[in-house]
Amino acid sequence: MEMVDGNNGIVGSTTRSNYYVRILSTINRELLKPSASVALHRHSNALVDVLPPEADSSISLLSQSKKPDVTYNDIEGCDIQKQEIREAVELPLTHHELYKQIGIDPPRGVLLYGPPGTGKTMLAKPIANHTTAAFIRVVGSEFVHKYLGENAPVIIFIDEVDAITVTRFDAQTGADREVQRILMELLNQMDGFDQTVNVKVIMATNKADTLDPTLLRPGRLDRKIEFPLPDRRQKRLVFQVTFLSFVCTSKMNLGDEVDLEDYVSRPDKICDAELFVKKRECMRRRKNKYVILQGLEKGYRANVKKRHRL
């Protein structure tokens, strides 16, 4: 913090950027020393507060989420994605010595990408369940602090990361500058994680094509795992295995006229989340204890039409 005059000053940030700021009249000028940490308004960049000496925004810890109780068996399909994420995240946490023996560095970060509802967020949870790592989940738009690795092993899961990592541009507004600042801070964080420390970063996005290329380079997000819409095999698994199991555990029966293979062969692009909704629709539209074709068809068409409107 450097005073220019009684009402203005220059503030340096953790990203080595300097800001010329207006100082509110309510601020005690005696506290504005070169070593002071201050808070700026998110839009106008006006200096609105002087932080206590013990505060340091560059090392604030993200809140730790409750350890998920989700297992791999709870997630239908995604067999290839399960294997890839276990190799990229779980194995380095549980058997780090293997990487030392063969002389390679484990992936530092993993990007999960694909259309909405394909299981990206859900699949990040079993990793923490199958390791001793703490699980920290944060949505991209809320990610503003730095996480240090003293509490490793830890998994940091950043959902909707596209909110802060879109391709850089000439920032015109305070909000744009804030997005750019967060992106630079995130890149600095990932470069600061030692490869020998068990801190793993998982990011998820529905818009991989909008991410800044600097985030995708080797050493940051070393592994990219795609989550496509279900193919015929995946849909058959959901309809003929998990769907029938759902019907049985709900003490219902399929009507004689219901042919699940007909739904498997349809070309409609539907995601796993929509198939899950379809199962709930069957419960709502059942007739007595039977799932009838009419109710099943209504639930299916409702979900497909909803996707077409989006």
C-alpha atoms as a PDB file:
ATOM      1  CA  MET A   1       0.000   0.000   0.000  1.00  0.00           C
ATOM      2  CA  GLU A   2       1.428   3.374  -1.054  1.00  0.00           C
ATOM      3  CA  MET A   3      -0.353   6.657  -0.410  1.00  0.00           C
ATOM      4  CA  VAL A   4      -0.506   9.139  -3.317  1.00  0.00           C
ATOM      5  CA  ASP A   5      -2.467  11.811  -1.471  1.00  0.00           C
ATOM      6  CA  GLY A   6      -5.109  11.918   1.230  1.00  0.00           C
ATOM      7  CA  ASN A   7      -7.793  10.330  -0.928  1.00  0.00           C
ATOM      8  CA  ASN A   8      -5.926   8.015  -3.304  1.00  0.00           C
ATOM      9  CA  GLY A   9      -3.294   5.306  -3.185  1.00  0.00           C
ATOM     10  CA  ILE A  10      -1.585   2.476  -5.066  1.00  0.00           C
ATOM     11  CA  VAL A  11      -2.244  -1.110  -3.972  1.00  0.00           C
ATOM     12  CA  GLY A  12      -0.223  -4.135  -5.077  1.00  0.00           C
ATOM     13  CA  SER A  13      -1.939  -7.519  -5.478  1.00  0.00           C
ATOM     14  CA  THR A  14      -0.711 -11.099  -5.098  1.00  0.00           C
ATOM     15  CA  THR A  15      -0.620 -11.334  -8.908  1.00  0.00           C
ATOM     16  CA  ARG A  16       1.938  -8.476  -9.055  1.00  0.00           C
ATOM     17  CA  SER A  17      -0.625  -6.061 -10.487  1.00  0.00           C
ATOM     18  CA  ASN A  18      -0.879  -2.504  -9.144  1.00  0.00           C
ATOM     19  CA  TYR A  19      -4.163  -0.618  -8.756  1.00  0.00           C
ATOM     20  CA  TYR A  20      -4.718   3.107  -8.406  1.00  0.00           C
ATOM     21  CA  VAL A  21      -7.562   3.240  -5.880  1.00  0.00           C
ATOM     22  CA  ARG A  22      -9.817   5.762  -4.220  1.00  0.00           C
ATOM     23  CA  ILE A  23      -9.834   5.607  -0.409  1.00  0.00           C
ATOM     24  CA  LEU A  24     -13.154   5.934   1.377  1.00  0.00           C
ATOM     25  CA  SER A  25     -13.410   8.840   3.815  1.00  0.00           C
ATOM     26  CA  THR A  26     -14.289   6.420   6.643  1.00  0.00           C
ATOM     27  CA  ILE A  27     -10.876   4.707   6.486  1.00  0.00           C
ATOM     28  CA  ASN A  28      -8.396   5.546   9.254  1.00  0.00           C
ATOM     29  CA  ARG A  29      -5.396   6.943   7.338  1.00  0.00           C
ATOM     30  CA  GLU A  30      -3.017   6.060  10.171  1.00  0.00           C
ATOM     31  CA  LEU A  31      -3.574   2.358   9.382  1.00  0.00           C
ATOM     32  CA  LEU A  32      -2.550   2.761   5.736  1.00  0.00           C
ATOM     33  CA  LYS A  33       1.076   1.701   6.032  1.00  0.00           C
ATOM     34  CA  PRO A  34       3.221   0.080   3.275  1.00  0.00           C
ATOM     35  CA  SER A  35       2.801  -3.377   4.870  1.00  0.00           C
ATOM     36  CA  ALA A  36      -0.969  -3.087   5.356  1.00  0.00           C
ATOM     37  CA  SER A  37      -3.388  -5.588   3.794  1.00  0.00           C
ATOM     38  CA  VAL A  38      -6.515  -3.927   2.467  1.00  0.00           C
ATOM     39  CA  ALA A  39      -9.863  -4.876   0.927  1.00  0.00           C
ATOM     40  CA  LEU A  40     -11.062  -3.411  -2.377  1.00  0.00           C
ATOM     41  CA  HIS A  41     -14.597  -3.128  -3.681  1.00  0.00           C
ATOM     42  CA  ARG A  42     -15.158  -5.885  -6.260  1.00  0.00           C
ATOM     43  CA  HIS A  43     -16.511  -3.504  -8.923  1.00  0.00           C
ATOM     44  CA  SER A  44     -15.060  -0.030  -8.328  1.00  0.00           C
ATOM     45  CA  ASN A  45     -11.751  -1.151  -6.746  1.00  0.00           C
ATOM     46  CA  ALA A  46     -12.241   1.500  -4.054  1.00  0.00           C
ATOM     47  CA  LEU A  47     -10.373   0.799  -0.821  1.00  0.00           C
ATOM     48  CA  VAL A  48     -13.118  -0.112   1.659  1.00  0.00           C
ATOM     49  CA  ASP A  49     -11.317  -1.684   4.624  1.00  0.00           C
ATOM     50  CA  VAL A  50      -7.970  -2.285   6.296  1.00  0.00           C
ATOM     51  CA  LEU A  51      -7.479  -5.920   7.263  1.00  0.00           C
ATOM     52  CA  PRO A  52      -5.930  -7.054  10.560  1.00  0.00           C
ATOM     53  CA  PRO A  53      -2.208  -7.967  10.514  1.00  0.00           C
ATOM     54  CA  GLU A  54      -2.907 -11.712  10.753  1.00  0.00           C
ATOM     55  CA  ALA A  55      -5.061 -11.672   7.610  1.00  0.00           C
ATOM     56  CA  ASP A  56      -3.451 -12.791   4.359  1.00  0.00           C
ATOM     57  CA  SER A  57      -5.733 -13.324   1.385  1.00  0.00           C
ATOM     58  CA  SER A  58      -3.068 -15.313  -0.444  1.00  0.00           C
ATOM     59  CA  ILE A  59      -3.153 -18.195   2.047  1.00  0.00           C
ATOM     60  CA  SER A  60      -6.792 -18.343   3.081  1.00  0.00           C
ATOM     61  CA  LEU A  61      -7.947 -21.944   3.240  1.00  0.00           C
ATOM     62  CA  LEU A  62     -10.999 -23.137   1.403  1.00  0.00           C
ATOM     63  CA  SER A  63     -13.568 -24.799   3.628  1.00  0.00           C
ATOM     64  CA  GLN A  64     -13.328 -28.571   3.712  1.00  0.00           C
ATOM     65  CA  SER A  65     -16.429 -30.449   2.595  1.00  0.00           C
ATOM     66  CA  LYS A  66     -17.811 -33.451   4.404  1.00  0.00           C
ATOM     67  CA  LYS A  67     -16.156 -36.574   3.058  1.00  0.00           C
ATOM     68  CA  PRO A  68     -18.470 -37.990   0.363  1.00  0.00           C
ATOM     69  CA  ASP A  69     -20.066 -41.390   0.952  1.00  0.00           C
ATOM     70  CA  VAL A  70     -20.427 -42.070  -2.788  1.00  0.00           C
ATOM     71  CA  THR A  71     -18.661 -45.163  -4.185  1.00  0.00           C
ATOM     72  CA  TYR A  72     -17.840 -46.123  -7.751  1.00  0.00           C
ATOM     73  CA  ASN A  73     -20.612 -48.715  -7.666  1.00  0.00           C
ATOM     74  CA  ASP A  74     -23.156 -45.961  -7.000  1.00  0.00           C
ATOM     75  CA  ILE A  75     -22.419 -44.436 -10.415  1.00  0.00           C
ATOM     76  CA  GLU A  76     -23.983 -46.177 -13.391  1.00  0.00           C
ATOM     77  CA  GLY A  77     -21.687 -46.773 -16.356  1.00  0.00           C
ATOM     78  CA  CYS A  78     -18.770 -44.389 -17.062  1.00  0.00           C
ATOM     79  CA  ASP A  79     -16.414 -47.392 -16.853  1.00  0.00           C
ATOM     80  CA  ILE A  80     -13.688 -45.817 -18.991  1.00  0.00           C
ATOM     81  CA  GLN A  81     -13.893 -42.518 -17.111  1.00  0.00           C
ATOM     82  CA  LYS A  82     -13.733 -44.326 -13.752  1.00  0.00           C
ATOM     83  CA  GLN A  83     -10.553 -46.117 -14.781  1.00  0.00           C
ATOM     84  CA  GLU A  84      -8.907 -42.946 -16.085  1.00  0.00           C
ATOM     85  CA  ILE A  85      -9.678 -40.841 -13.027  1.00  0.00           C
ATOM     86  CA  ARG A  86      -8.482 -43.604 -10.686  1.00  0.00           C
ATOM     87  CA  GLU A  87      -5.182 -43.767 -12.564  1.00  0.00           C
ATOM     88  CA  ALA A  88      -4.771 -39.984 -12.629  1.00  0.00           C
ATOM     89  CA  VAL A  89      -5.834 -39.105  -9.065  1.00  0.00           C
ATOM     90  CA  GLU A  90      -6.358 -42.097  -6.781  1.00  0.00           C
ATOM     91  CA  LEU A  91      -3.232 -44.079  -7.669  1.00  0.00           C
ATOM     92  CA  PRO A  92      -0.818 -41.146  -7.113  1.00  0.00           C
ATOM     93  CA  LEU A  93      -2.393 -40.562  -3.689  1.00  0.00           C
ATOM     94  CA  THR A  94      -2.374 -44.186  -2.528  1.00  0.00           C
ATOM     95  CA  HIS A  95       0.811 -45.465  -4.240  1.00  0.00           C
ATOM     96  CA  HIS A  96       2.981 -42.417  -4.830  1.00  0.00           C
ATOM     97  CA  GLU A  97       6.127 -44.548  -4.468  1.00  0.00           C
ATOM     98  CA  LEU A  98       5.337 -46.305  -7.760  1.00  0.00           C
ATOM     99  CA  TYR A  99       5.847 -43.058  -9.654  1.00  0.00           C
ATOM    100  CA  LYS A 100       9.196 -42.516  -7.919  1.00  0.00           C
ATOM    101  CA  GLN A 101      10.338 -46.019  -8.850  1.00  0.00           C
ATOM    102  CA  ILE A 102       9.659 -45.549 -12.555  1.00  0.00           C
ATOM    103  CA  GLY A 103      10.887 -41.943 -12.547  1.00  0.00           C
ATOM    104  CA  ILE A 104       7.824 -40.064 -13.789  1.00  0.00           C
ATOM    105  CA  ASP A 105       5.747 -37.277 -12.285  1.00  0.00           C
ATOM    106  CA  PRO A 106       2.077 -38.006 -11.568  1.00  0.00           C
ATOM    107  CA  PRO A 107      -0.565 -35.747 -13.142  1.00  0.00           C
ATOM    108  CA  ARG A 108      -0.911 -32.488 -11.243  1.00  0.00           C
ATOM    109  CA  GLY A 109      -4.428 -31.712 -12.401  1.00  0.00           C
ATOM    110  CA  VAL A 110      -7.305 -33.406 -14.203  1.00  0.00           C
ATOM    111  CA  LEU A 111      -9.991 -31.818 -16.382  1.00  0.00           C
ATOM    112  CA  LEU A 112     -13.399 -33.506 -16.631  1.00  0.00           C
ATOM    113  CA  TYR A 113     -15.353 -32.159 -19.588  1.00  0.00           C
ATOM    114  CA  GLY A 114     -18.548 -32.956 -21.441  1.00  0.00           C
ATOM    115  CA  PRO A 115     -22.234 -31.982 -21.721  1.00  0.00           C
ATOM    116  CA  PRO A 116     -24.251 -31.227 -18.558  1.00  0.00           C
ATOM    117  CA  GLY A 117     -25.580 -34.218 -16.632  1.00  0.00           C
ATOM    118  CA  THR A 118     -23.018 -36.783 -17.789  1.00  0.00           C
ATOM    119  CA  GLY A 119     -21.579 -37.546 -14.324  1.00  0.00           C
ATOM    120  CA  LYS A 120     -18.558 -35.244 -14.010  1.00  0.00           C
ATOM    121  CA  THR A 121     -19.409 -33.835 -10.583  1.00  0.00           C
ATOM    122  CA  MET A 122     -20.606 -37.166  -9.233  1.00  0.00           C
ATOM    123  CA  LEU A 123     -17.492 -39.079 -10.295  1.00  0.00           C
ATOM    124  CA  ALA A 124     -15.173 -36.727  -8.402  1.00  0.00           C
ATOM    125  CA  LYS A 125     -16.676 -37.840  -5.088  1.00  0.00           C
ATOM    126  CA  PRO A 126     -15.641 -41.542  -4.911  1.00  0.00           C
ATOM    127  CA  ILE A 127     -11.970 -40.549  -5.173  1.00  0.00           C
ATOM    128  CA  ALA A 128     -12.030 -38.958  -1.708  1.00  0.00           C
ATOM    129  CA  ASN A 129     -14.067 -41.880  -0.382  1.00  0.00           C
ATOM    130  CA  HIS A 130     -11.434 -44.398  -1.522  1.00  0.00           C
ATOM    131  CA  THR A 131      -8.450 -42.438  -0.161  1.00  0.00           C
ATOM    132  CA  THR A 132      -7.518 -40.675   3.062  1.00  0.00           C
ATOM    133  CA  ALA A 133      -7.545 -37.324   1.274  1.00  0.00           C
ATOM    134  CA  ALA A 134      -9.652 -34.414   2.455  1.00  0.00           C
ATOM    135  CA  PHE A 135     -12.237 -33.279  -0.117  1.00  0.00           C
ATOM    136  CA  ILE A 136     -12.669 -29.583  -0.910  1.00  0.00           C
ATOM    137  CA  ARG A 137     -15.422 -28.672  -3.364  1.00  0.00           C
ATOM    138  CA  VAL A 138     -15.942 -25.167  -4.678  1.00  0.00           C
ATOM    139  CA  VAL A 139     -17.816 -23.710  -7.631  1.00  0.00           C
ATOM    140  CA  GLY A 140     -15.636 -21.780 -10.075  1.00  0.00           C
ATOM    141  CA  SER A 141     -17.302 -18.429  -9.437  1.00  0.00           C
ATOM    142  CA  GLU A 142     -16.497 -18.731  -5.702  1.00  0.00           C
ATOM    143  CA  PHE A 143     -12.811 -19.638  -6.121  1.00  0.00           C
ATOM    144  CA  VAL A 144     -10.839 -16.627  -4.937  1.00  0.00           C
ATOM    145  CA  HIS A 145      -8.322 -17.929  -2.378  1.00  0.00           C
ATOM    146  CA  LYS A 146      -5.126 -19.920  -2.384  1.00  0.00           C
ATOM    147  CA  TYR A 147      -4.909 -23.414  -0.875  1.00  0.00           C
ATOM    148  CA  LEU A 148      -1.561 -24.446   0.537  1.00  0.00           C
ATOM    149  CA  GLY A 149      -0.494 -28.059   0.815  1.00  0.00           C
ATOM    150  CA  GLU A 150       0.340 -28.403   4.494  1.00  0.00           C
ATOM    151  CA  ASN A 151      -2.788 -30.514   5.076  1.00  0.00           C
ATOM    152  CA  ALA A 152      -2.056 -32.953   2.228  1.00  0.00           C
ATOM    153  CA  PRO A 153      -3.246 -35.350   1.020  1.00  0.00           C
ATOM    154  CA  VAL A 154      -6.142 -33.325  -0.289  1.00  0.00           C
ATOM    155  CA  ILE A 155      -8.357 -33.235  -3.374  1.00  0.00           C
ATOM    156  CA  ILE A 156      -9.527 -29.816  -4.574  1.00  0.00           C
ATOM    157  CA  PHE A 157     -12.554 -30.123  -6.860  1.00  0.00           C
ATOM    158  CA  ILE A 158     -13.442 -26.968  -8.799  1.00  0.00           C
ATOM    159  CA  ASP A 159     -16.836 -27.291 -10.469  1.00  0.00           C
ATOM    160  CA  GLU A 160     -17.945 -24.987 -13.305  1.00  0.00           C
ATOM    161  CA  VAL A 161     -14.345 -23.857 -13.730  1.00  0.00           C
ATOM    162  CA  ASP A 162     -15.262 -22.097 -16.993  1.00  0.00           C
ATOM    163  CA  ALA A 163     -16.700 -19.272 -14.848  1.00  0.00           C
ATOM    164  CA  ILE A 164     -13.151 -18.090 -14.086  1.00  0.00           C
ATOM    165  CA  THR A 165     -10.943 -19.580 -16.802  1.00  0.00           C
ATOM    166  CA  VAL A 166     -12.400 -18.333 -20.078  1.00  0.00           C
ATOM    167  CA  THR A 167      -9.873 -17.196 -22.682  1.00  0.00           C
ATOM    168  CA  ARG A 168      -8.250 -13.972 -21.564  1.00  0.00           C
ATOM    169  CA  PHE A 169      -9.348 -10.713 -23.151  1.00  0.00           C
ATOM    170  CA  ASP A 170      -8.995  -6.968 -22.648  1.00  0.00           C
ATOM    171  CA  ALA A 171     -10.852  -6.401 -19.380  1.00  0.00           C
ATOM    172  CA  GLN A 172     -13.204  -3.431 -19.664  1.00  0.00           C
ATOM    173  CA  THR A 173     -15.105  -3.564 -16.371  1.00  0.00           C
ATOM    174  CA  GLY A 174     -14.335  -4.194 -12.729  1.00  0.00           C
ATOM    175  CA  ALA A 175     -16.016  -7.582 -12.950  1.00  0.00           C
ATOM    176  CA  ASP A 176     -13.893  -8.519 -15.988  1.00  0.00           C
ATOM    177  CA  ARG A 177     -10.718  -7.530 -14.166  1.00  0.00           C
ATOM    178  CA  GLU A 178     -11.777  -9.660 -11.209  1.00  0.00           C
ATOM    179  CA  VAL A 179     -12.182 -12.703 -13.454  1.00  0.00           C
ATOM    180  CA  GLN A 180      -8.735 -12.102 -14.941  1.00  0.00           C
ATOM    181  CA  ARG A 181      -7.200 -11.686 -11.491  1.00  0.00           C
ATOM    182  CA  ILE A 182      -8.710 -14.958 -10.280  1.00  0.00           C
ATOM    183  CA  LEU A 183      -7.434 -16.788 -13.363  1.00  0.00           C
ATOM    184  CA  MET A 184      -3.885 -15.550 -12.820  1.00  0.00           C
ATOM    185  CA  GLU A 185      -4.070 -16.488  -9.149  1.00  0.00           C
ATOM    186  CA  LEU A 186      -5.290 -19.975 -10.053  1.00  0.00           C
ATOM    187  CA  LEU A 187      -2.415 -20.475 -12.495  1.00  0.00           C
ATOM    188  CA  ASN A 188       0.086 -19.325  -9.868  1.00  0.00           C
ATOM    189  CA  GLN A 189      -1.399 -21.780  -7.390  1.00  0.00           C
ATOM    190  CA  MET A 190      -1.091 -24.755  -9.714  1.00  0.00           C
ATOM    191  CA  ASP A 191       2.516 -23.885 -10.541  1.00  0.00           C
ATOM    192  CA  GLY A 192       3.231 -23.635  -6.819  1.00  0.00           C
ATOM    193  CA  PHE A 193       2.126 -27.174  -5.934  1.00  0.00           C
ATOM    194  CA  ASP A 194       5.166 -29.409  -5.491  1.00  0.00           C
ATOM    195  CA  GLN A 195       4.878 -32.650  -7.466  1.00  0.00           C
ATOM    196  CA  THR A 196       5.913 -34.577  -4.356  1.00  0.00           C
ATOM    197  CA  VAL A 197       3.023 -33.159  -2.308  1.00  0.00           C
ATOM    198  CA  ASN A 198      -0.259 -35.067  -2.452  1.00  0.00           C
ATOM    199  CA  VAL A 199      -2.465 -32.181  -3.542  1.00  0.00           C
ATOM    200  CA  LYS A 200      -4.596 -33.085  -6.554  1.00  0.00           C
ATOM    201  CA  VAL A 201      -6.764 -30.651  -8.487  1.00  0.00           C
ATOM    202  CA  ILE A 202      -9.851 -31.839 -10.384  1.00  0.00           C
ATOM    203  CA  MET A 203     -11.777 -29.386 -12.537  1.00  0.00           C
ATOM    204  CA  ALA A 204     -15.085 -29.899 -14.310  1.00  0.00           C
ATOM    205  CA  THR A 205     -16.657 -27.923 -17.141  1.00  0.00           C
ATOM    206  CA  ASN A 206     -19.411 -28.132 -19.733  1.00  0.00           C
ATOM    207  CA  LYS A 207     -17.495 -25.730 -22.010  1.00  0.00           C
ATOM    208  CA  ALA A 208     -13.973 -27.044 -22.517  1.00  0.00           C
ATOM    209  CA  ASP A 209     -13.549 -25.025 -25.717  1.00  0.00           C
ATOM    210  CA  THR A 210     -13.775 -21.728 -23.789  1.00  0.00           C
ATOM    211  CA  LEU A 211     -10.975 -22.471 -21.295  1.00  0.00           C
ATOM    212  CA  ASP A 212      -7.788 -20.437 -21.412  1.00  0.00           C
ATOM    213  CA  PRO A 213      -5.034 -22.462 -23.192  1.00  0.00           C
ATOM    214  CA  THR A 214      -2.522 -21.577 -20.471  1.00  0.00           C
ATOM    215  CA  LEU A 215      -4.560 -23.654 -18.021  1.00  0.00           C
ATOM    216  CA  LEU A 216      -4.473 -26.703 -20.291  1.00  0.00           C
ATOM    217  CA  ARG A 217      -0.741 -26.882 -20.843  1.00  0.00           C
ATOM    218  CA  PRO A 218       1.324 -29.817 -19.409  1.00  0.00           C
ATOM    219  CA  GLY A 219       2.189 -29.368 -15.759  1.00  0.00           C
ATOM    220  CA  ARG A 220      -1.214 -27.943 -14.870  1.00  0.00           C
ATOM    221  CA  LEU A 221      -3.992 -30.109 -16.266  1.00  0.00           C
ATOM    222  CA  ASP A 222      -2.036 -33.126 -17.470  1.00  0.00           C
ATOM    223  CA  ARG A 223      -5.043 -35.376 -18.027  1.00  0.00           C
ATOM    224  CA  LYS A 224      -8.291 -34.585 -19.844  1.00  0.00           C
ATOM    225  CA  ILE A 225     -11.205 -37.014 -19.432  1.00  0.00           C
ATOM    226  CA  GLU A 226     -14.241 -36.661 -21.675  1.00  0.00           C
ATOM    227  CA  PHE A 227     -17.760 -37.445 -20.462  1.00  0.00           C
ATOM    228  CA  PRO A 228     -19.863 -37.896 -23.621  1.00  0.00           C
ATOM    229  CA  LEU A 229     -23.592 -38.487 -23.776  1.00  0.00           C
ATOM    230  CA  PRO A 230     -24.488 -42.176 -23.226  1.00  0.00           C
ATOM    231  CA  ASP A 231     -24.014 -44.489 -26.214  1.00  0.00           C
ATOM    232  CA  ARG A 232     -26.291 -47.456 -26.901  1.00  0.00           C
ATOM    233  CA  ARG A 233     -24.354 -49.726 -24.534  1.00  0.00           C
ATOM    234  CA  GLN A 234     -24.618 -47.212 -21.698  1.00  0.00           C
ATOM    235  CA  LYS A 235     -28.335 -46.665 -22.287  1.00  0.00           C
ATOM    236  CA  ARG A 236     -28.928 -50.423 -22.353  1.00  0.00           C
ATOM    237  CA  LEU A 237     -27.128 -50.737 -19.024  1.00  0.00           C
ATOM    238  CA  VAL A 238     -29.360 -48.084 -17.482  1.00  0.00           C
ATOM    239  CA  PHE A 239     -32.631 -49.333 -18.963  1.00  0.00           C
ATOM    240  CA  GLN A 240     -32.201 -53.103 -18.710  1.00  0.00           C
ATOM    241  CA  VAL A 241     -30.146 -53.393 -15.532  1.00  0.00           C
ATOM    242  CA  THR A 242     -30.498 -50.435 -13.200  1.00  0.00           C
ATOM    243  CA  PHE A 243     -33.994 -49.568 -14.415  1.00  0.00           C
ATOM    244  CA  LEU A 244     -35.275 -53.097 -13.792  1.00  0.00           C
ATOM    245  CA  SER A 245     -33.542 -53.117 -10.412  1.00  0.00           C
ATOM    246  CA  PHE A 246     -35.259 -49.830  -9.569  1.00  0.00           C
ATOM    247  CA  VAL A 247     -38.644 -51.275 -10.565  1.00  0.00           C
ATOM    248  CA  CYS A 248     -38.109 -54.387  -8.447  1.00  0.00           C
ATOM    249  CA  THR A 249     -36.900 -52.562  -5.338  1.00  0.00           C
ATOM    250  CA  SER A 250     -39.902 -50.224  -5.660  1.00  0.00           C
ATOM    251  CA  LYS A 251     -42.159 -53.323  -5.625  1.00  0.00           C
ATOM    252  CA  MET A 252     -43.483 -52.588  -9.105  1.00  0.00           C
ATOM    253  CA  ASN A 253     -43.733 -54.598 -12.317  1.00  0.00           C
ATOM    254  CA  LEU A 254     -43.331 -53.751 -15.989  1.00  0.00           C
ATOM    255  CA  GLY A 255     -46.451 -53.941 -18.099  1.00  0.00           C
ATOM    256  CA  ASP A 256     -46.414 -56.632 -20.813  1.00  0.00           C
ATOM    257  CA  GLU A 257     -46.453 -53.986 -23.547  1.00  0.00           C
ATOM    258  CA  VAL A 258     -43.257 -52.252 -22.318  1.00  0.00           C
ATOM    259  CA  ASP A 259     -40.173 -52.943 -24.475  1.00  0.00           C
ATOM    260  CA  LEU A 260     -37.087 -51.312 -22.944  1.00  0.00           C
ATOM    261  CA  GLU A 261     -34.939 -52.158 -25.976  1.00  0.00           C
ATOM    262  CA  ASP A 262     -37.111 -49.782 -27.996  1.00  0.00           C
ATOM    263  CA  TYR A 263     -35.912 -46.888 -25.818  1.00  0.00           C
ATOM    264  CA  VAL A 264     -32.293 -48.059 -26.060  1.00  0.00           C
ATOM    265  CA  SER A 265     -32.372 -47.993 -29.869  1.00  0.00           C
ATOM    266  CA  ARG A 266     -33.857 -44.499 -30.147  1.00  0.00           C
ATOM    267  CA  PRO A 267     -31.423 -41.867 -31.498  1.00  0.00           C
ATOM    268  CA  ASP A 268     -32.392 -39.197 -28.939  1.00  0.00           C
ATOM    269  CA  LYS A 269     -29.387 -37.676 -27.157  1.00  0.00           C
ATOM    270  CA  ILE A 270     -30.133 -37.915 -23.443  1.00  0.00           C
ATOM    271  CA  CYS A 271     -27.714 -37.722 -20.529  1.00  0.00           C
ATOM    272  CA  ASP A 272     -27.364 -39.883 -17.423  1.00  0.00           C
ATOM    273  CA  ALA A 273     -29.099 -37.284 -15.275  1.00  0.00           C
ATOM    274  CA  GLU A 274     -32.138 -37.386 -17.571  1.00  0.00           C
ATOM    275  CA  LEU A 275     -32.230 -41.178 -17.374  1.00  0.00           C
ATOM    276  CA  PHE A 276     -32.281 -40.875 -13.588  1.00  0.00           C
ATOM    277  CA  VAL A 277     -35.174 -38.414 -13.806  1.00  0.00           C
ATOM    278  CA  LYS A 278     -36.942 -40.889 -16.067  1.00  0.00           C
ATOM    279  CA  LYS A 279     -36.828 -43.514 -13.334  1.00  0.00           C
ATOM    280  CA  ARG A 280     -38.483 -41.108 -10.914  1.00  0.00           C
ATOM    281  CA  GLU A 281     -41.094 -40.256 -13.543  1.00  0.00           C
ATOM    282  CA  CYS A 282     -42.009 -43.942 -13.749  1.00  0.00           C
ATOM    283  CA  MET A 283     -42.755 -43.997 -10.041  1.00  0.00           C
ATOM    284  CA  ARG A 284     -44.959 -40.921 -10.393  1.00  0.00           C
ATOM    285  CA  ARG A 285     -46.807 -42.135 -13.492  1.00  0.00           C
ATOM    286  CA  ARG A 286     -47.271 -45.793 -12.524  1.00  0.00           C
ATOM    287  CA  LYS A 287     -50.716 -47.363 -12.521  1.00  0.00           C
ATOM    288  CA  ASN A 288     -51.237 -49.329  -9.322  1.00  0.00           C
ATOM    289  CA  LYS A 289     -48.035 -51.437  -9.116  1.00  0.00           C
ATOM    290  CA  TYR A 290     -47.332 -51.538 -12.849  1.00  0.00           C
ATOM    291  CA  VAL A 291     -45.153 -49.359 -15.048  1.00  0.00           C
ATOM    292  CA  ILE A 292     -47.287 -49.001 -18.166  1.00  0.00           C
ATOM    293  CA  LEU A 293     -46.205 -47.960 -21.637  1.00  0.00           C
ATOM    294  CA  GLN A 294     -48.284 -44.769 -21.619  1.00  0.00           C
ATOM    295  CA  GLY A 295     -46.698 -43.448 -18.416  1.00  0.00           C
ATOM    296  CA  LEU A 296     -43.212 -44.457 -19.517  1.00  0.00           C
ATOM    297  CA  GLU A 297     -43.624 -42.727 -22.878  1.00  0.00           C
ATOM    298  CA  LYS A 298     -44.905 -39.501 -21.308  1.00  0.00           C
ATOM    299  CA  GLY A 299     -41.930 -39.326 -18.968  1.00  0.00           C
ATOM    300  CA  TYR A 300     -39.493 -40.017 -21.800  1.00  0.00           C
ATOM    301  CA  ARG A 301     -40.938 -37.445 -24.182  1.00  0.00           C
ATOM    302  CA  ALA A 302     -41.089 -34.796 -21.454  1.00  0.00           C
ATOM    303  CA  ASN A 303     -37.339 -35.110 -20.829  1.00  0.00           C
ATOM    304  CA  VAL A 304     -36.409 -35.218 -24.520  1.00  0.00           C
ATOM    305  CA  LYS A 305     -38.524 -32.156 -25.369  1.00  0.00           C
ATOM    306  CA  LYS A 306     -37.006 -30.267 -22.439  1.00  0.00           C
ATOM    307  CA  ARG A 307     -33.509 -30.888 -23.824  1.00  0.00           C
ATOM    308  CA  HIS A 308     -34.561 -29.683 -27.286  1.00  0.00           C
ATOM    309  CA  ARG A 309     -35.825 -26.406 -25.814  1.00  0.00           C
ATOM    310  CA  LEU A 310     -32.516 -25.690 -24.071  1.00  0.00           C
END
